[in-house]
Amino acid sequence: MRKIHSVLDESFRKYGAIIPDVPSEAIREAAAKIPVPETGVAYRRSIPELEATPDFKGFLAVCGGHKPIQAGLCWGHNTRMDCMEYHRASEINVAVTDCVLMLGDRRDIRDSAYDSSRVELFSVPKGTAIEIYATTLHYAPCQTAGSGFSMIILLPDGTNQDLTPEALAEAKASTGEHRMLWAVDKWLIAHPDTSEAKAGALAGIRGENIDLAKG
């Protein structure tokens, strides 16, 4: 059984930080009204209902430094690691439900490979807002209950947009870090047994595809 730490623990500090002073009740209430998919994971990078809340302006100021940001949602049903990704900027997560994050350090990617034994698990209590540093590997949160999970994702505007077909083809034909480019400001490394790998993502995760459902 893998140990699950808390984002409130000292061990989380190398991956991110708690954001204590930005109200999030209104944006969480708006997110909670969006139905959870019956199966699988959904992601929308920018949702007008979330960006219309007064809380979004607070995150824009405190976390975005008044640069353009987007408020999206990752929600559904998930217990597996599958992939790891990173961006060139911090990501802000606001837990609408209790969640578990699988985190790693992008500097541990060597020769286009990453060992999944390095992954650490962290619980994020409902209502908690956290910053995930640009050096931190992460992917879809995991659920703690059968009803699924929901996590608000705030990022610089445009992050996770689809690449043009030409840009994606260029990345797939490249080597090194550029081979991992999968969307706008999104570098991704996949486990070989995932749909992302089958779609052409770099299948560079070695070892177990961690699954909380298996303990």
N, C-alpha and C. Protein backbone atom coordinates (compact mmCIF):
# COMPACT_ATOMS: atom_id res chain seq x y z
N MET A 1 0.84 -1.19 0.00
CA MET A 1 0.00 0.00 0.00
C MET A 1 0.88 1.25 0.00
N ARG A 2 0.70 2.09 -0.98
CA ARG A 2 1.48 3.33 -1.06
C ARG A 2 1.00 4.33 -0.01
N LYS A 3 1.94 5.00 0.63
CA LYS A 3 1.58 5.99 1.63
C LYS A 3 1.01 7.23 0.95
N ILE A 4 -0.07 7.76 1.48
CA ILE A 4 -0.65 9.01 0.98
C ILE A 4 -0.38 10.10 2.01
N HIS A 5 0.44 11.06 1.62
CA HIS A 5 0.73 12.20 2.47
C HIS A 5 -0.41 13.22 2.32
N SER A 6 -0.30 14.31 3.03
CA SER A 6 -1.25 15.42 2.90
C SER A 6 -0.52 16.63 2.35
N VAL A 7 -1.23 17.45 1.56
CA VAL A 7 -0.62 18.69 1.08
C VAL A 7 -0.36 19.64 2.25
N LEU A 8 -0.89 19.33 3.44
CA LEU A 8 -0.62 20.14 4.62
C LEU A 8 0.70 19.74 5.28
N ASP A 9 1.30 18.63 4.82
CA ASP A 9 2.56 18.15 5.39
C ASP A 9 3.76 18.90 4.82
N GLU A 10 4.84 18.88 5.57
CA GLU A 10 6.09 19.51 5.14
C GLU A 10 6.60 18.90 3.84
N SER A 11 6.33 17.61 3.61
CA SER A 11 6.85 16.91 2.43
C SER A 11 6.28 17.46 1.13
N PHE A 12 5.15 18.21 1.20
CA PHE A 12 4.56 18.77 -0.01
C PHE A 12 5.33 19.99 -0.50
N ARG A 13 6.13 20.61 0.34
CA ARG A 13 6.71 21.91 0.01
C ARG A 13 7.64 21.87 -1.19
N LYS A 14 8.22 20.72 -1.53
CA LYS A 14 9.08 20.66 -2.71
C LYS A 14 8.27 20.63 -4.01
N TYR A 15 6.98 20.36 -3.89
CA TYR A 15 6.12 20.28 -5.06
C TYR A 15 5.21 21.50 -5.23
N GLY A 16 4.89 22.16 -4.14
CA GLY A 16 3.94 23.27 -4.24
C GLY A 16 3.73 23.95 -2.91
N ALA A 17 2.65 24.70 -2.80
CA ALA A 17 2.36 25.48 -1.60
C ALA A 17 0.86 25.64 -1.43
N ILE A 18 0.44 25.75 -0.18
CA ILE A 18 -0.95 26.05 0.13
C ILE A 18 -1.21 27.53 -0.15
N ILE A 19 -2.37 27.84 -0.73
CA ILE A 19 -2.77 29.24 -0.93
C ILE A 19 -3.86 29.54 0.09
N PRO A 20 -3.55 30.29 1.14
CA PRO A 20 -4.47 30.40 2.27
C PRO A 20 -5.49 31.52 2.21
N ASP A 21 -5.27 32.55 1.44
CA ASP A 21 -6.02 33.79 1.64
C ASP A 21 -6.89 34.23 0.45
N VAL A 22 -7.19 33.34 -0.48
CA VAL A 22 -8.04 33.70 -1.61
C VAL A 22 -9.39 33.00 -1.46
N PRO A 23 -10.50 33.73 -1.35
CA PRO A 23 -11.82 33.09 -1.24
C PRO A 23 -12.09 32.18 -2.44
N SER A 24 -12.70 31.04 -2.19
CA SER A 24 -12.98 30.11 -3.29
C SER A 24 -14.37 29.49 -3.21
N GLU A 25 -15.18 29.89 -2.25
CA GLU A 25 -16.49 29.25 -2.09
C GLU A 25 -17.37 29.43 -3.31
N ALA A 26 -17.39 30.64 -3.89
CA ALA A 26 -18.27 30.89 -5.04
C ALA A 26 -17.83 30.11 -6.26
N ILE A 27 -16.53 30.05 -6.51
CA ILE A 27 -16.06 29.33 -7.71
C ILE A 27 -16.23 27.82 -7.52
N ARG A 28 -16.11 27.34 -6.27
CA ARG A 28 -16.35 25.93 -6.01
C ARG A 28 -17.82 25.58 -6.15
N GLU A 29 -18.70 26.47 -5.71
CA GLU A 29 -20.13 26.23 -5.86
C GLU A 29 -20.52 26.18 -7.33
N ALA A 30 -19.92 27.05 -8.14
CA ALA A 30 -20.20 27.03 -9.58
C ALA A 30 -19.71 25.73 -10.21
N ALA A 31 -18.54 25.27 -9.79
CA ALA A 31 -17.98 24.03 -10.33
C ALA A 31 -18.81 22.82 -9.91
N ALA A 32 -19.33 22.85 -8.69
CA ALA A 32 -20.10 21.71 -8.18
C ALA A 32 -21.41 21.51 -8.93
N LYS A 33 -21.88 22.54 -9.62
CA LYS A 33 -23.11 22.43 -10.39
C LYS A 33 -22.91 21.72 -11.73
N ILE A 34 -21.66 21.53 -12.13
CA ILE A 34 -21.36 20.86 -13.40
C ILE A 34 -21.40 19.36 -13.17
N PRO A 35 -22.28 18.63 -13.85
CA PRO A 35 -22.43 17.18 -13.59
C PRO A 35 -21.14 16.40 -13.84
N VAL A 36 -20.88 15.45 -12.97
CA VAL A 36 -19.71 14.58 -13.12
C VAL A 36 -20.00 13.53 -14.18
N PRO A 37 -19.07 13.28 -15.11
CA PRO A 37 -19.29 12.22 -16.10
C PRO A 37 -19.54 10.88 -15.43
N GLU A 38 -20.32 10.04 -16.06
CA GLU A 38 -20.60 8.72 -15.49
C GLU A 38 -19.35 7.86 -15.46
N THR A 39 -18.49 8.00 -16.46
CA THR A 39 -17.23 7.26 -16.51
C THR A 39 -16.13 8.17 -17.05
N GLY A 40 -14.90 7.84 -16.73
CA GLY A 40 -13.76 8.54 -17.31
C GLY A 40 -13.56 9.94 -16.73
N VAL A 41 -12.60 10.64 -17.33
CA VAL A 41 -12.20 11.96 -16.88
C VAL A 41 -12.50 12.99 -17.96
N ALA A 42 -13.04 14.13 -17.55
CA ALA A 42 -13.28 15.24 -18.47
C ALA A 42 -12.40 16.41 -18.07
N TYR A 43 -12.01 17.21 -19.07
CA TYR A 43 -11.24 18.42 -18.80
C TYR A 43 -11.68 19.52 -19.76
N ARG A 44 -11.97 20.69 -19.19
CA ARG A 44 -12.19 21.89 -19.99
C ARG A 44 -11.27 22.97 -19.44
N ARG A 45 -10.50 23.58 -20.31
CA ARG A 45 -9.47 24.49 -19.83
C ARG A 45 -10.02 25.84 -19.40
N SER A 46 -11.18 26.25 -19.94
CA SER A 46 -11.74 27.56 -19.65
C SER A 46 -13.26 27.44 -19.63
N ILE A 47 -13.86 27.77 -18.48
CA ILE A 47 -15.31 27.64 -18.31
C ILE A 47 -15.88 28.99 -17.89
N PRO A 48 -16.72 29.60 -18.72
CA PRO A 48 -17.24 30.95 -18.42
C PRO A 48 -17.92 31.05 -17.06
N GLU A 49 -18.65 30.01 -16.65
CA GLU A 49 -19.36 30.07 -15.37
C GLU A 49 -18.39 30.22 -14.19
N LEU A 50 -17.22 29.64 -14.30
CA LEU A 50 -16.22 29.77 -13.24
C LEU A 50 -15.54 31.14 -13.30
N GLU A 51 -15.28 31.59 -14.52
CA GLU A 51 -14.58 32.87 -14.69
C GLU A 51 -15.48 34.07 -14.41
N ALA A 52 -16.80 33.84 -14.30
CA ALA A 52 -17.72 34.93 -13.97
C ALA A 52 -17.88 35.14 -12.47
N THR A 53 -17.31 34.25 -11.66
CA THR A 53 -17.46 34.37 -10.21
C THR A 53 -16.53 35.45 -9.66
N PRO A 54 -16.90 36.07 -8.53
CA PRO A 54 -16.00 37.06 -7.92
C PRO A 54 -14.69 36.45 -7.45
N ASP A 55 -14.70 35.17 -7.12
CA ASP A 55 -13.47 34.50 -6.67
C ASP A 55 -12.41 34.49 -7.77
N PHE A 56 -12.84 34.39 -9.02
CA PHE A 56 -11.88 34.34 -10.12
C PHE A 56 -11.03 35.60 -10.14
N LYS A 57 -11.63 36.74 -9.83
CA LYS A 57 -10.86 37.99 -9.81
C LYS A 57 -9.79 37.96 -8.72
N GLY A 58 -10.10 37.30 -7.60
CA GLY A 58 -9.11 37.17 -6.54
C GLY A 58 -7.93 36.33 -6.97
N PHE A 59 -8.20 35.22 -7.64
CA PHE A 59 -7.11 34.38 -8.14
C PHE A 59 -6.33 35.10 -9.23
N LEU A 60 -7.03 35.88 -10.05
CA LEU A 60 -6.37 36.66 -11.10
C LEU A 60 -5.33 37.59 -10.49
N ALA A 61 -5.68 38.23 -9.38
CA ALA A 61 -4.77 39.18 -8.75
C ALA A 61 -3.66 38.49 -7.97
N VAL A 62 -4.03 37.56 -7.09
CA VAL A 62 -3.07 36.98 -6.16
C VAL A 62 -2.18 35.94 -6.82
N CYS A 63 -2.77 35.11 -7.67
CA CYS A 63 -2.01 34.00 -8.27
C CYS A 63 -1.56 34.29 -9.69
N GLY A 64 -2.26 35.14 -10.38
CA GLY A 64 -1.89 35.44 -11.75
C GLY A 64 -1.10 36.72 -11.91
N GLY A 65 -1.01 37.51 -10.81
CA GLY A 65 -0.30 38.78 -10.93
C GLY A 65 -0.93 39.69 -11.96
N HIS A 66 -2.25 39.51 -12.18
CA HIS A 66 -3.04 40.28 -13.15
C HIS A 66 -2.67 39.97 -14.61
N LYS A 67 -1.91 38.90 -14.85
CA LYS A 67 -1.76 38.45 -16.24
C LYS A 67 -2.99 37.60 -16.57
N PRO A 68 -3.33 37.45 -17.84
CA PRO A 68 -4.53 36.67 -18.20
C PRO A 68 -4.41 35.21 -17.75
N ILE A 69 -5.42 34.74 -17.05
CA ILE A 69 -5.46 33.34 -16.65
C ILE A 69 -6.81 32.75 -17.05
N GLN A 70 -6.90 31.44 -17.00
CA GLN A 70 -8.14 30.72 -17.33
C GLN A 70 -8.53 29.85 -16.14
N ALA A 71 -9.82 29.67 -15.96
CA ALA A 71 -10.34 28.78 -14.91
C ALA A 71 -11.07 27.64 -15.59
N GLY A 72 -10.51 26.46 -15.45
CA GLY A 72 -11.12 25.28 -16.04
C GLY A 72 -11.42 24.24 -14.98
N LEU A 73 -11.78 23.05 -15.43
CA LEU A 73 -12.18 21.99 -14.51
C LEU A 73 -11.67 20.65 -15.02
N CYS A 74 -11.13 19.85 -14.10
CA CYS A 74 -10.83 18.45 -14.37
C CYS A 74 -11.71 17.65 -13.41
N TRP A 75 -12.55 16.77 -13.95
CA TRP A 75 -13.52 16.09 -13.09
C TRP A 75 -13.96 14.78 -13.72
N GLY A 76 -14.40 13.86 -12.85
CA GLY A 76 -14.83 12.57 -13.35
C GLY A 76 -14.45 11.45 -12.39
N HIS A 77 -14.01 10.33 -12.99
CA HIS A 77 -13.65 9.14 -12.21
C HIS A 77 -12.26 8.69 -12.61
N ASN A 78 -11.37 8.59 -11.63
CA ASN A 78 -9.99 8.20 -11.93
C ASN A 78 -9.30 7.66 -10.69
N THR A 79 -8.52 6.61 -10.89
CA THR A 79 -7.68 6.07 -9.81
C THR A 79 -6.25 5.83 -10.28
N ARG A 80 -5.94 6.12 -11.55
CA ARG A 80 -4.65 5.75 -12.12
C ARG A 80 -3.76 6.96 -12.42
N MET A 81 -2.46 6.69 -12.48
CA MET A 81 -1.49 7.73 -12.85
C MET A 81 -1.56 8.01 -14.34
N ASP A 82 -1.37 7.00 -15.18
CA ASP A 82 -1.42 7.04 -16.64
C ASP A 82 -0.32 7.88 -17.29
N CYS A 83 -0.23 9.15 -16.95
CA CYS A 83 0.74 10.06 -17.56
C CYS A 83 1.26 11.03 -16.50
N MET A 84 2.29 11.76 -16.87
CA MET A 84 2.75 12.91 -16.09
C MET A 84 2.97 14.07 -17.04
N GLU A 85 2.66 15.29 -16.58
CA GLU A 85 2.82 16.47 -17.42
C GLU A 85 3.40 17.61 -16.59
N TYR A 86 3.87 18.63 -17.27
CA TYR A 86 4.26 19.87 -16.60
C TYR A 86 4.07 21.03 -17.55
N HIS A 87 4.10 22.24 -16.99
CA HIS A 87 3.96 23.47 -17.75
C HIS A 87 5.14 24.38 -17.43
N ARG A 88 5.25 25.50 -18.12
CA ARG A 88 6.31 26.46 -17.85
C ARG A 88 5.91 27.46 -16.76
N ALA A 89 4.70 27.32 -16.24
CA ALA A 89 4.21 28.20 -15.18
C ALA A 89 3.54 27.34 -14.12
N SER A 90 3.39 27.91 -12.91
CA SER A 90 2.67 27.21 -11.86
C SER A 90 1.21 26.98 -12.26
N GLU A 91 0.64 25.94 -11.68
CA GLU A 91 -0.78 25.62 -11.85
C GLU A 91 -1.45 25.76 -10.49
N ILE A 92 -2.62 26.38 -10.46
CA ILE A 92 -3.39 26.50 -9.23
C ILE A 92 -4.52 25.48 -9.25
N ASN A 93 -4.61 24.67 -8.20
CA ASN A 93 -5.68 23.69 -8.05
C ASN A 93 -6.57 24.08 -6.88
N VAL A 94 -7.88 24.01 -7.08
CA VAL A 94 -8.84 24.25 -6.01
C VAL A 94 -9.73 23.02 -5.92
N ALA A 95 -9.68 22.33 -4.79
CA ALA A 95 -10.39 21.06 -4.65
C ALA A 95 -11.87 21.29 -4.38
N VAL A 96 -12.70 20.88 -5.32
CA VAL A 96 -14.16 20.94 -5.15
C VAL A 96 -14.61 19.74 -4.32
N THR A 97 -13.92 18.63 -4.45
CA THR A 97 -14.12 17.44 -3.63
C THR A 97 -12.77 17.05 -3.05
N ASP A 98 -12.76 16.15 -2.09
CA ASP A 98 -11.50 15.54 -1.67
C ASP A 98 -10.87 14.85 -2.87
N CYS A 99 -9.56 14.97 -3.01
CA CYS A 99 -8.84 14.38 -4.14
C CYS A 99 -7.50 13.84 -3.66
N VAL A 100 -6.87 13.03 -4.49
CA VAL A 100 -5.49 12.61 -4.30
C VAL A 100 -4.72 12.97 -5.57
N LEU A 101 -3.56 13.60 -5.39
CA LEU A 101 -2.68 13.93 -6.51
C LEU A 101 -1.46 13.03 -6.50
N MET A 102 -1.03 12.59 -7.68
CA MET A 102 0.22 11.88 -7.86
C MET A 102 1.23 12.88 -8.41
N LEU A 103 2.32 13.10 -7.68
CA LEU A 103 3.27 14.15 -8.02
C LEU A 103 4.69 13.61 -8.14
N GLY A 104 5.47 14.29 -8.97
CA GLY A 104 6.88 13.96 -9.14
C GLY A 104 7.66 15.20 -9.50
N ASP A 105 8.94 15.03 -9.76
CA ASP A 105 9.83 16.14 -10.10
C ASP A 105 10.27 15.98 -11.56
N ARG A 106 10.01 16.98 -12.38
CA ARG A 106 10.35 16.88 -13.81
C ARG A 106 11.84 16.70 -14.02
N ARG A 107 12.66 17.09 -13.05
CA ARG A 107 14.11 16.94 -13.18
C ARG A 107 14.55 15.50 -13.06
N ASP A 108 13.61 14.62 -12.68
CA ASP A 108 13.90 13.19 -12.63
C ASP A 108 13.64 12.50 -13.97
N ILE A 109 13.17 13.23 -14.97
CA ILE A 109 13.07 12.68 -16.32
C ILE A 109 14.47 12.65 -16.91
N ARG A 110 14.95 11.48 -17.23
CA ARG A 110 16.30 11.32 -17.77
C ARG A 110 16.23 10.52 -19.07
N ASP A 111 16.88 11.04 -20.11
CA ASP A 111 16.92 10.35 -21.40
C ASP A 111 15.50 9.96 -21.86
N SER A 112 14.58 10.91 -21.70
CA SER A 112 13.18 10.74 -22.13
C SER A 112 12.47 9.61 -21.40
N ALA A 113 12.89 9.31 -20.17
CA ALA A 113 12.26 8.26 -19.39
C ALA A 113 12.05 8.74 -17.95
N TYR A 114 11.00 8.22 -17.32
CA TYR A 114 10.69 8.56 -15.93
C TYR A 114 10.27 7.30 -15.20
N ASP A 115 10.83 7.07 -14.01
CA ASP A 115 10.56 5.89 -13.19
C ASP A 115 9.38 6.19 -12.26
N SER A 116 8.29 5.44 -12.42
CA SER A 116 7.09 5.72 -11.64
C SER A 116 7.27 5.46 -10.14
N SER A 117 8.34 4.76 -9.75
CA SER A 117 8.58 4.53 -8.33
C SER A 117 8.91 5.83 -7.59
N ARG A 118 9.24 6.89 -8.33
CA ARG A 118 9.54 8.17 -7.72
C ARG A 118 8.29 8.98 -7.37
N VAL A 119 7.14 8.55 -7.83
CA VAL A 119 5.90 9.29 -7.61
C VAL A 119 5.52 9.28 -6.13
N GLU A 120 5.06 10.43 -5.63
CA GLU A 120 4.52 10.54 -4.29
C GLU A 120 3.05 10.95 -4.36
N LEU A 121 2.27 10.46 -3.39
CA LEU A 121 0.82 10.70 -3.37
C LEU A 121 0.48 11.69 -2.26
N PHE A 122 -0.44 12.63 -2.59
CA PHE A 122 -0.85 13.65 -1.63
C PHE A 122 -2.36 13.83 -1.66
N SER A 123 -2.97 13.81 -0.49
CA SER A 123 -4.39 14.09 -0.39
C SER A 123 -4.61 15.60 -0.36
N VAL A 124 -5.67 16.05 -1.03
CA VAL A 124 -6.05 17.46 -1.06
C VAL A 124 -7.46 17.58 -0.50
N PRO A 125 -7.62 18.11 0.72
CA PRO A 125 -8.98 18.20 1.29
C PRO A 125 -9.87 19.14 0.50
N LYS A 126 -11.15 18.82 0.44
CA LYS A 126 -12.15 19.67 -0.19
C LYS A 126 -12.02 21.11 0.32
N GLY A 127 -12.03 22.05 -0.62
CA GLY A 127 -11.95 23.47 -0.27
C GLY A 127 -10.54 24.02 -0.23
N THR A 128 -9.53 23.16 -0.38
CA THR A 128 -8.13 23.60 -0.32
C THR A 128 -7.67 24.12 -1.67
N ALA A 129 -6.96 25.25 -1.65
CA ALA A 129 -6.34 25.80 -2.86
C ALA A 129 -4.83 25.64 -2.74
N ILE A 130 -4.21 25.13 -3.79
CA ILE A 130 -2.77 24.89 -3.76
C ILE A 130 -2.13 25.39 -5.06
N GLU A 131 -0.87 25.74 -4.95
CA GLU A 131 -0.05 26.02 -6.13
C GLU A 131 0.81 24.80 -6.41
N ILE A 132 0.82 24.36 -7.67
CA ILE A 132 1.70 23.29 -8.12
C ILE A 132 2.81 23.94 -8.94
N TYR A 133 4.04 23.79 -8.50
CA TYR A 133 5.15 24.48 -9.16
C TYR A 133 5.38 23.97 -10.58
N ALA A 134 6.01 24.80 -11.39
CA ALA A 134 6.30 24.43 -12.79
C ALA A 134 7.25 23.24 -12.88
N THR A 135 8.02 22.98 -11.83
CA THR A 135 8.94 21.84 -11.83
C THR A 135 8.26 20.54 -11.41
N THR A 136 6.97 20.60 -11.09
CA THR A 136 6.27 19.43 -10.56
C THR A 136 5.50 18.69 -11.65
N LEU A 137 5.75 17.39 -11.71
CA LEU A 137 4.98 16.52 -12.60
C LEU A 137 3.64 16.20 -11.94
N HIS A 138 2.59 16.17 -12.74
CA HIS A 138 1.25 15.92 -12.22
C HIS A 138 0.38 15.44 -13.38
N TYR A 139 -0.82 15.02 -13.07
CA TYR A 139 -1.80 14.70 -14.12
C TYR A 139 -3.18 14.74 -13.47
N ALA A 140 -4.13 14.01 -14.00
CA ALA A 140 -5.51 14.08 -13.48
C ALA A 140 -5.55 13.63 -12.02
N PRO A 141 -6.28 14.36 -11.17
CA PRO A 141 -6.45 13.92 -9.78
C PRO A 141 -7.15 12.56 -9.71
N CYS A 142 -7.06 11.95 -8.53
CA CYS A 142 -7.75 10.69 -8.29
C CYS A 142 -8.87 10.89 -7.27
N GLN A 143 -9.90 10.10 -7.39
CA GLN A 143 -11.04 10.20 -6.50
C GLN A 143 -10.75 9.52 -5.17
N THR A 144 -11.50 9.92 -4.15
CA THR A 144 -11.44 9.26 -2.85
C THR A 144 -12.77 8.59 -2.52
N ALA A 145 -13.74 8.73 -3.41
CA ALA A 145 -15.07 8.13 -3.23
C ALA A 145 -15.62 7.72 -4.58
N GLY A 146 -16.60 6.82 -4.55
CA GLY A 146 -17.18 6.33 -5.79
C GLY A 146 -17.90 7.38 -6.60
N SER A 147 -18.24 8.49 -5.98
CA SER A 147 -18.93 9.57 -6.69
C SER A 147 -18.02 10.37 -7.61
N GLY A 148 -16.71 10.12 -7.53
CA GLY A 148 -15.77 10.78 -8.43
C GLY A 148 -15.06 11.95 -7.76
N PHE A 149 -14.41 12.77 -8.60
CA PHE A 149 -13.64 13.90 -8.10
C PHE A 149 -13.93 15.13 -8.95
N SER A 150 -13.57 16.29 -8.42
CA SER A 150 -13.70 17.54 -9.17
C SER A 150 -12.63 18.51 -8.67
N MET A 151 -11.84 19.05 -9.59
CA MET A 151 -10.76 19.97 -9.24
C MET A 151 -10.73 21.13 -10.23
N ILE A 152 -10.82 22.36 -9.69
CA ILE A 152 -10.68 23.56 -10.52
C ILE A 152 -9.20 23.74 -10.86
N ILE A 153 -8.93 24.06 -12.13
CA ILE A 153 -7.56 24.22 -12.61
C ILE A 153 -7.40 25.63 -13.17
N LEU A 154 -6.53 26.43 -12.56
CA LEU A 154 -6.25 27.78 -13.04
C LEU A 154 -4.84 27.83 -13.59
N LEU A 155 -4.71 28.32 -14.82
CA LEU A 155 -3.44 28.36 -15.55
C LEU A 155 -3.38 29.62 -16.41
N PRO A 156 -2.19 30.02 -16.86
CA PRO A 156 -2.11 31.13 -17.82
C PRO A 156 -3.01 30.86 -19.02
N ASP A 157 -3.68 31.89 -19.50
CA ASP A 157 -4.65 31.74 -20.58
C ASP A 157 -4.00 31.12 -21.81
N GLY A 158 -4.66 30.11 -22.36
CA GLY A 158 -4.18 29.43 -23.54
C GLY A 158 -3.51 28.10 -23.26
N THR A 159 -3.12 27.87 -22.01
CA THR A 159 -2.48 26.60 -21.65
C THR A 159 -3.42 25.43 -21.94
N ASN A 160 -2.87 24.38 -22.50
CA ASN A 160 -3.60 23.15 -22.83
C ASN A 160 -4.46 23.26 -24.07
N GLN A 161 -4.39 24.37 -24.80
CA GLN A 161 -5.05 24.41 -26.11
C GLN A 161 -4.38 23.37 -27.03
N ASP A 162 -5.14 22.88 -27.99
CA ASP A 162 -4.58 21.95 -28.96
C ASP A 162 -3.50 22.64 -29.78
N LEU A 163 -2.43 21.90 -30.05
CA LEU A 163 -1.43 22.38 -31.01
C LEU A 163 -2.00 22.31 -32.42
N THR A 164 -1.45 23.10 -33.31
CA THR A 164 -1.82 22.93 -34.71
C THR A 164 -1.33 21.56 -35.17
N PRO A 165 -1.97 20.96 -36.17
CA PRO A 165 -1.50 19.66 -36.66
C PRO A 165 -0.02 19.69 -37.05
N GLU A 166 0.43 20.80 -37.60
CA GLU A 166 1.84 20.90 -38.02
C GLU A 166 2.77 20.90 -36.81
N ALA A 167 2.38 21.64 -35.76
CA ALA A 167 3.21 21.70 -34.56
C ALA A 167 3.24 20.36 -33.84
N LEU A 168 2.11 19.66 -33.79
CA LEU A 168 2.08 18.36 -33.14
C LEU A 168 2.91 17.34 -33.91
N ALA A 169 2.82 17.36 -35.24
CA ALA A 169 3.61 16.45 -36.06
C ALA A 169 5.11 16.72 -35.88
N GLU A 170 5.47 17.99 -35.80
CA GLU A 170 6.88 18.34 -35.58
C GLU A 170 7.38 17.81 -34.24
N ALA A 171 6.54 17.95 -33.19
CA ALA A 171 6.93 17.47 -31.87
C ALA A 171 7.09 15.94 -31.87
N LYS A 172 6.16 15.24 -32.50
CA LYS A 172 6.23 13.78 -32.55
C LYS A 172 7.47 13.28 -33.28
N ALA A 173 7.96 14.08 -34.21
CA ALA A 173 9.14 13.68 -34.98
C ALA A 173 10.44 14.12 -34.33
N SER A 174 10.35 14.79 -33.18
CA SER A 174 11.53 15.35 -32.53
C SER A 174 12.10 14.39 -31.49
N THR A 175 13.16 14.82 -30.83
CA THR A 175 13.76 14.08 -29.74
C THR A 175 13.87 14.99 -28.53
N GLY A 176 14.28 14.42 -27.39
CA GLY A 176 14.47 15.22 -26.19
C GLY A 176 13.16 15.79 -25.66
N GLU A 177 13.25 16.92 -24.99
CA GLU A 177 12.07 17.50 -24.37
C GLU A 177 10.99 17.84 -25.40
N HIS A 178 11.39 18.31 -26.58
CA HIS A 178 10.38 18.71 -27.56
C HIS A 178 9.51 17.54 -27.99
N ARG A 179 10.01 16.30 -27.85
CA ARG A 179 9.21 15.12 -28.17
C ARG A 179 8.02 14.99 -27.23
N MET A 180 8.11 15.59 -26.05
CA MET A 180 7.03 15.48 -25.06
C MET A 180 5.94 16.54 -25.23
N LEU A 181 6.17 17.53 -26.09
CA LEU A 181 5.17 18.58 -26.26
C LEU A 181 3.87 17.98 -26.80
N TRP A 182 2.76 18.22 -26.08
CA TRP A 182 1.50 17.55 -26.41
C TRP A 182 0.35 18.52 -26.61
N ALA A 183 0.47 19.72 -26.07
CA ALA A 183 -0.51 20.79 -26.25
C ALA A 183 0.22 22.09 -25.96
N VAL A 184 -0.49 23.22 -26.04
CA VAL A 184 0.16 24.50 -25.78
C VAL A 184 0.63 24.54 -24.32
N ASP A 185 1.93 24.77 -24.12
CA ASP A 185 2.54 24.81 -22.78
C ASP A 185 2.22 23.56 -21.97
N LYS A 186 2.28 22.41 -22.62
CA LYS A 186 1.99 21.12 -21.96
C LYS A 186 2.96 20.07 -22.47
N TRP A 187 3.90 19.68 -21.61
CA TRP A 187 4.84 18.61 -21.93
C TRP A 187 4.39 17.37 -21.18
N LEU A 188 4.26 16.25 -21.88
CA LEU A 188 3.62 15.05 -21.32
C LEU A 188 4.45 13.81 -21.61
N ILE A 189 4.55 12.95 -20.61
CA ILE A 189 5.19 11.65 -20.77
C ILE A 189 4.19 10.59 -20.29
N ALA A 190 3.99 9.55 -21.08
CA ALA A 190 2.90 8.60 -20.84
C ALA A 190 3.43 7.23 -20.48
N HIS A 191 2.59 6.48 -19.76
CA HIS A 191 2.87 5.06 -19.54
C HIS A 191 2.49 4.32 -20.82
N PRO A 192 3.24 3.29 -21.21
CA PRO A 192 2.97 2.60 -22.48
C PRO A 192 1.57 2.02 -22.63
N ASP A 193 0.88 1.72 -21.51
CA ASP A 193 -0.43 1.06 -21.65
C ASP A 193 -1.60 2.03 -21.67
N THR A 194 -1.34 3.29 -22.00
CA THR A 194 -2.40 4.30 -21.97
C THR A 194 -2.87 4.69 -23.37
N SER A 195 -4.06 5.30 -23.42
CA SER A 195 -4.58 5.79 -24.69
C SER A 195 -3.71 6.93 -25.23
N GLU A 196 -3.10 7.72 -24.32
CA GLU A 196 -2.22 8.81 -24.77
C GLU A 196 -1.02 8.25 -25.54
N ALA A 197 -0.43 7.18 -25.02
CA ALA A 197 0.70 6.56 -25.71
C ALA A 197 0.28 6.00 -27.06
N LYS A 198 -0.89 5.39 -27.10
CA LYS A 198 -1.39 4.83 -28.36
C LYS A 198 -1.68 5.93 -29.37
N ALA A 199 -1.96 7.16 -28.87
CA ALA A 199 -2.23 8.29 -29.76
C ALA A 199 -0.95 9.00 -30.19
N GLY A 200 0.19 8.54 -29.70
CA GLY A 200 1.45 9.11 -30.15
C GLY A 200 2.24 9.87 -29.12
N ALA A 201 1.73 9.95 -27.87
CA ALA A 201 2.52 10.61 -26.81
C ALA A 201 3.76 9.78 -26.51
N LEU A 202 4.79 10.43 -26.02
CA LEU A 202 6.02 9.74 -25.67
C LEU A 202 5.75 8.71 -24.57
N ALA A 203 5.95 7.44 -24.86
CA ALA A 203 5.70 6.36 -23.90
C ALA A 203 6.96 6.13 -23.08
N GLY A 204 7.23 7.06 -22.17
CA GLY A 204 8.50 7.04 -21.46
C GLY A 204 8.42 6.72 -19.98
N ILE A 205 7.24 6.46 -19.43
CA ILE A 205 7.15 6.11 -18.01
C ILE A 205 7.48 4.63 -17.84
N ARG A 206 8.45 4.37 -17.00
CA ARG A 206 8.89 3.00 -16.73
C ARG A 206 8.34 2.55 -15.38
N GLY A 207 8.05 1.26 -15.27
CA GLY A 207 7.55 0.72 -14.02
C GLY A 207 6.03 0.65 -13.99
N GLU A 208 5.49 0.60 -12.79
CA GLU A 208 4.06 0.40 -12.58
C GLU A 208 3.25 1.62 -13.00
N ASN A 209 2.11 1.38 -13.64
CA ASN A 209 1.12 2.43 -13.83
C ASN A 209 0.28 2.46 -12.57
N ILE A 210 0.63 3.33 -11.65
CA ILE A 210 0.07 3.32 -10.30
C ILE A 210 -1.46 3.42 -10.35
N ASP A 211 -2.12 2.56 -9.61
CA ASP A 211 -3.59 2.51 -9.56
C ASP A 211 -4.02 2.41 -8.10
N LEU A 212 -4.66 3.46 -7.59
CA LEU A 212 -5.08 3.47 -6.20
C LEU A 212 -6.12 2.38 -5.92
N ALA A 213 -6.84 1.96 -6.92
CA ALA A 213 -7.85 0.93 -6.73
C ALA A 213 -7.21 -0.41 -6.42
N LYS A 214 -5.93 -0.55 -6.75
CA LYS A 214 -5.20 -1.80 -6.48
C LYS A 214 -4.38 -1.73 -5.19
N GLY A 215 -4.40 -0.56 -4.54
CA GLY A 215 -3.66 -0.41 -3.30
C GLY A 215 -2.20 -0.08 -3.51
